[in-house]
Amino acid sequence: MIKLFQWIYTIYSGLLFITLMLIFGIFIVLPILISDRGDRISFVFIRAWAGVWSFLSGIRYQIEGRELIDQQKTYIYIFNHRSLIDAPVIPMAIPQALRALGKKELSKIPIFGWVVGRLAIWVDRTSTESRKESIQKLIQILSQGKSVVVAPEGTRNDSDETLLPFHKGAFRLSIETQIPVLPMAVIGADRIMKRGSILLRPGKVRIYFSEPINPPAPSENAVNLFADKCRNRLEAMILTHE
């Protein structure tokens, strides 16, 4: 019986997601098509979409440490990726307009891929060339003073480990541009959509921000050491708050 209600809830929440995306989609995309600075307006509507969907789906957010974000500065946000629910979590938590690095497979999702694709950089992680192109696009975006968000694990963590091994691209990018990394721990998203399941349930997602971590000067071992430092910080945040 519980499983039946969960299926009904999941179908309801999924249809609501699509309906709201159809309603808000044009208002998200249009400002960016008109002007590069239109992303601030776009993010107002993205947050409206995510907020209305979350409220009507019974998903709540508790956000701590947002005062550590200076909205006049540029950051490379990193987070632990455990659930597909992370998509609405990011605009609800981060108060800046930003760009996200996302898996190319997500671009194939009807409506969602078209709308989010205006604010995301799709990358085929099986292609070295695609990864290089995505880094160049991120450099261009950061040079314009816009923040980016990256899941350094590279994919959703379906293991029992706190974090998967980190890819080094975000940390190499931070060192090259001297833009700080800002860790964000997402707790509870995998309880709303469990690993290996498409079923949803209502619940609370807790998000914790750390103080930004300034990158070191370039050196032979700087990328590996900096990646380890950021990983240790994010892992400590998760273990502290879980």
Protein backbone atom coordinates (compact mmCIF):
# COMPACT_ATOMS: atom_id res chain seq x y z
CA MET A 1 0.00 0.00 0.00
CA ILE A 2 2.84 2.41 0.87
CA LYS A 3 4.49 1.64 -2.48
CA LEU A 4 1.21 2.40 -4.29
CA PHE A 5 0.92 5.81 -2.64
CA GLN A 6 4.58 6.48 -3.48
CA TRP A 7 3.90 5.70 -7.14
CA ILE A 8 0.88 8.04 -7.13
CA TYR A 9 2.96 10.76 -5.48
CA THR A 10 5.81 10.28 -7.98
CA ILE A 11 3.47 10.52 -10.99
CA TYR A 12 1.82 13.62 -9.50
CA SER A 13 5.18 15.25 -8.79
CA GLY A 14 6.53 14.35 -12.24
CA LEU A 15 3.51 15.80 -14.06
CA LEU A 16 3.74 18.90 -11.88
CA PHE A 17 7.43 19.26 -12.77
CA ILE A 18 6.66 19.14 -16.50
CA THR A 19 3.67 21.49 -16.24
CA LEU A 20 5.63 24.11 -14.31
CA MET A 21 8.56 23.79 -16.71
CA LEU A 22 6.18 24.49 -19.60
CA ILE A 23 4.76 27.51 -17.78
CA PHE A 24 8.07 29.01 -16.67
CA GLY A 25 10.25 27.75 -19.53
CA ILE A 26 9.72 30.66 -21.93
CA PHE A 27 10.36 33.18 -19.12
CA ILE A 28 13.60 31.37 -18.28
CA VAL A 29 14.88 31.20 -21.84
CA LEU A 30 13.70 34.52 -23.30
CA PRO A 31 15.84 36.91 -21.17
CA ILE A 32 19.02 35.00 -22.11
CA LEU A 33 18.13 35.10 -25.81
CA ILE A 34 17.68 38.87 -25.57
CA SER A 35 20.85 39.63 -23.57
CA ASP A 36 23.77 37.87 -21.88
CA ARG A 37 22.87 39.80 -18.73
CA GLY A 38 19.37 38.39 -18.84
CA ASP A 39 20.47 35.39 -16.79
CA ARG A 40 19.64 37.28 -13.58
CA ILE A 41 16.02 37.53 -14.70
CA SER A 42 16.12 33.91 -15.85
CA PHE A 43 17.21 32.78 -12.42
CA VAL A 44 14.27 34.58 -10.81
CA PHE A 45 11.99 32.34 -12.85
CA ILE A 46 14.15 29.25 -12.30
CA ARG A 47 13.84 29.75 -8.56
CA ALA A 48 10.10 30.34 -8.97
CA TRP A 49 9.81 27.05 -10.88
CA ALA A 50 11.89 25.14 -8.33
CA GLY A 51 10.18 26.80 -5.37
CA VAL A 52 6.61 26.18 -6.54
CA TRP A 53 7.41 22.59 -7.52
CA SER A 54 9.10 21.92 -4.19
CA PHE A 55 6.27 23.48 -2.17
CA LEU A 56 3.52 21.58 -3.99
CA SER A 57 5.56 18.36 -3.79
CA GLY A 58 6.17 18.69 -0.05
CA ILE A 59 9.94 19.18 -0.38
CA ARG A 60 11.45 21.65 2.09
CA TYR A 61 14.89 23.25 2.27
CA GLN A 62 17.08 24.23 5.19
CA ILE A 63 20.01 26.37 4.06
CA GLU A 64 22.89 27.37 6.33
CA GLY A 65 26.04 29.37 5.64
CA ARG A 66 24.64 31.44 2.78
CA GLU A 67 26.01 34.55 4.49
CA LEU A 68 29.47 33.28 3.53
CA ILE A 69 28.69 34.03 -0.12
CA ASP A 70 29.68 37.46 -1.37
CA GLN A 71 27.28 37.98 -4.26
CA GLN A 72 29.66 40.47 -5.86
CA LYS A 73 32.36 37.81 -6.22
CA THR A 74 32.79 34.86 -8.58
CA TYR A 75 33.01 31.28 -7.30
CA ILE A 76 33.40 27.72 -8.49
CA TYR A 77 30.79 25.87 -6.43
CA ILE A 78 31.30 22.16 -5.81
CA PHE A 79 28.77 19.78 -4.27
CA ASN A 80 28.20 16.12 -3.48
CA HIS A 81 25.94 14.56 -6.08
CA ARG A 82 23.67 11.82 -4.71
CA SER A 83 20.30 12.39 -6.32
CA LEU A 84 18.53 13.68 -9.41
CA ILE A 85 16.74 16.05 -7.01
CA ASP A 86 19.95 18.11 -6.96
CA ALA A 87 18.69 19.93 -10.09
CA PRO A 88 16.11 22.08 -8.21
CA VAL A 89 18.29 22.18 -5.06
CA ILE A 90 21.04 24.23 -6.73
CA PRO A 91 18.94 27.29 -7.75
CA MET A 92 17.10 27.20 -4.43
CA ALA A 93 20.36 27.24 -2.46
CA ILE A 94 22.75 29.44 -4.45
CA PRO A 95 21.74 33.13 -4.52
CA GLN A 96 23.73 33.99 -7.66
CA ALA A 97 23.01 33.60 -11.35
CA LEU A 98 25.38 30.89 -12.52
CA ARG A 99 26.16 28.22 -15.08
CA ALA A 100 26.27 24.49 -14.40
CA LEU A 101 28.35 21.71 -15.88
CA GLY A 102 26.02 18.83 -16.70
CA LYS A 103 26.06 15.40 -18.29
CA LYS A 104 25.16 15.42 -21.97
CA GLU A 105 22.53 12.72 -21.34
CA LEU A 106 20.41 15.27 -19.45
CA SER A 107 20.16 17.42 -22.56
CA LYS A 108 18.04 14.69 -24.17
CA ILE A 109 15.25 15.01 -21.56
CA PRO A 110 12.29 16.66 -23.33
CA ILE A 111 11.58 20.28 -22.27
CA PHE A 112 14.04 20.10 -19.36
CA GLY A 113 17.03 19.70 -21.68
CA TRP A 114 15.90 22.59 -23.89
CA VAL A 115 15.27 24.99 -21.00
CA VAL A 116 18.21 24.11 -18.75
CA GLY A 117 20.52 23.86 -21.77
CA ARG A 118 20.47 27.67 -22.00
CA LEU A 119 22.15 27.82 -18.59
CA ALA A 120 24.20 24.63 -18.64
CA ILE A 121 27.33 23.41 -20.35
CA TRP A 122 26.78 19.86 -21.52
CA VAL A 123 29.76 17.54 -21.43
CA ASP A 124 30.25 14.02 -22.75
CA ARG A 125 32.48 12.55 -20.06
CA THR A 126 33.51 9.70 -22.33
CA SER A 127 35.06 12.20 -24.75
CA THR A 128 38.37 13.91 -24.00
CA GLU A 129 37.60 16.53 -26.63
CA SER A 130 34.22 17.30 -25.04
CA ARG A 131 35.82 17.71 -21.61
CA LYS A 132 38.42 20.12 -23.03
CA GLU A 133 35.73 22.16 -24.77
CA SER A 134 33.69 22.37 -21.57
CA ILE A 135 36.69 23.68 -19.64
CA GLN A 136 37.26 26.39 -22.24
CA LYS A 137 33.60 27.41 -22.00
CA LEU A 138 33.85 27.55 -18.21
CA ILE A 139 36.93 29.77 -18.44
CA GLN A 140 35.03 32.14 -20.73
CA ILE A 141 32.06 32.26 -18.34
CA LEU A 142 34.27 32.86 -15.29
CA SER A 143 36.10 35.65 -17.13
CA GLN A 144 32.72 37.40 -17.44
CA GLY A 145 32.36 37.40 -13.65
CA LYS A 146 29.77 34.61 -13.57
CA SER A 147 29.96 31.76 -11.08
CA VAL A 148 29.77 28.09 -12.07
CA VAL A 149 28.71 24.93 -10.27
CA VAL A 150 30.37 21.55 -10.77
CA ALA A 151 29.88 18.07 -9.31
CA PRO A 152 33.54 16.97 -9.09
CA GLU A 153 32.57 13.32 -8.55
CA GLY A 154 31.56 13.37 -12.22
CA THR A 155 28.42 11.31 -11.73
CA ARG A 156 25.80 10.48 -9.13
CA ASN A 157 27.24 8.69 -6.11
CA ASP A 158 25.39 5.38 -5.83
CA SER A 159 27.99 3.82 -3.52
CA ASP A 160 28.23 3.64 0.27
CA GLU A 161 31.25 5.96 0.21
CA THR A 162 30.79 9.53 1.42
CA LEU A 163 32.31 10.85 -1.81
CA LEU A 164 33.55 9.30 -5.03
CA PRO A 165 37.07 10.19 -6.23
CA PHE A 166 37.20 13.74 -7.56
CA HIS A 167 37.91 14.70 -11.15
CA LYS A 168 40.54 17.43 -11.24
CA GLY A 169 39.07 19.78 -13.85
CA ALA A 170 37.35 22.19 -11.45
CA PHE A 171 40.47 22.55 -9.32
CA ARG A 172 42.78 23.06 -12.28
CA LEU A 173 40.32 25.70 -13.45
CA SER A 174 40.36 27.39 -10.04
CA ILE A 175 44.16 27.56 -9.99
CA GLU A 176 44.36 28.85 -13.56
CA THR A 177 41.81 31.60 -12.96
CA GLN A 178 42.59 32.15 -9.23
CA ILE A 179 38.86 31.97 -8.49
CA PRO A 180 38.01 30.37 -5.12
CA VAL A 181 36.17 27.08 -4.69
CA LEU A 182 33.07 27.16 -2.49
CA PRO A 183 31.98 23.74 -1.17
CA MET A 184 28.28 23.00 -0.71
CA ALA A 185 27.13 19.90 1.17
CA VAL A 186 23.70 18.57 0.16
CA ILE A 187 22.14 16.32 2.81
CA GLY A 188 18.91 14.35 2.44
CA ALA A 189 18.31 14.56 -1.31
CA ASP A 190 18.98 10.84 -1.64
CA ARG A 191 16.21 10.14 0.88
CA ILE A 192 13.69 11.93 -1.31
CA MET A 193 14.80 9.92 -4.33
CA LYS A 194 16.71 6.85 -3.21
CA ARG A 195 19.61 5.42 -5.15
CA GLY A 196 18.51 3.04 -7.89
CA SER A 197 14.87 4.13 -7.70
CA ILE A 198 12.72 6.59 -9.62
CA LEU A 199 10.20 6.87 -6.78
CA LEU A 200 9.94 10.14 -4.87
CA ARG A 201 8.82 10.97 -1.36
CA PRO A 202 8.32 14.29 0.47
CA GLY A 203 11.05 15.43 2.83
CA LYS A 204 13.66 18.00 3.77
CA VAL A 205 16.92 18.77 1.99
CA ARG A 206 19.60 20.47 4.09
CA ILE A 207 22.29 22.52 2.38
CA TYR A 208 25.44 23.76 4.10
CA PHE A 209 27.95 26.21 2.64
CA SER A 210 31.60 26.42 3.64
CA GLU A 211 33.87 29.42 3.58
CA PRO A 212 35.46 29.78 0.12
CA ILE A 213 38.80 28.04 -0.36
CA ASN A 214 41.35 30.18 -2.18
CA PRO A 215 43.46 28.34 -4.76
CA PRO A 216 47.25 28.08 -4.41
CA ALA A 217 49.76 29.41 -6.88
CA PRO A 218 50.38 27.09 -9.86
CA SER A 219 52.96 24.37 -9.25
CA GLU A 220 53.66 20.77 -10.20
CA ASN A 221 51.52 19.25 -7.42
CA ALA A 222 49.12 22.17 -6.87
CA VAL A 223 46.10 20.63 -8.60
CA ASN A 224 46.23 17.30 -6.73
CA LEU A 225 46.88 18.93 -3.37
CA PHE A 226 44.14 21.50 -3.87
CA ALA A 227 41.64 18.86 -5.02
CA ASP A 228 42.43 16.81 -1.90
CA LYS A 229 41.99 19.86 0.33
CA CYS A 230 38.59 20.69 -1.16
CA ARG A 231 37.49 17.05 -1.02
CA ASN A 232 38.49 16.78 2.64
CA ARG A 233 36.54 19.94 3.45
CA LEU A 234 33.39 18.73 1.69
CA GLU A 235 33.67 15.26 3.22
CA ALA A 236 34.03 16.77 6.71
CA MET A 237 30.93 18.91 6.13
CA ILE A 238 28.88 15.88 5.06
CA LEU A 239 30.03 13.71 7.97
CA THR A 240 29.38 16.53 10.44
CA HIS A 241 25.83 17.20 9.34
CA GLU A 242 24.54 13.76 8.30
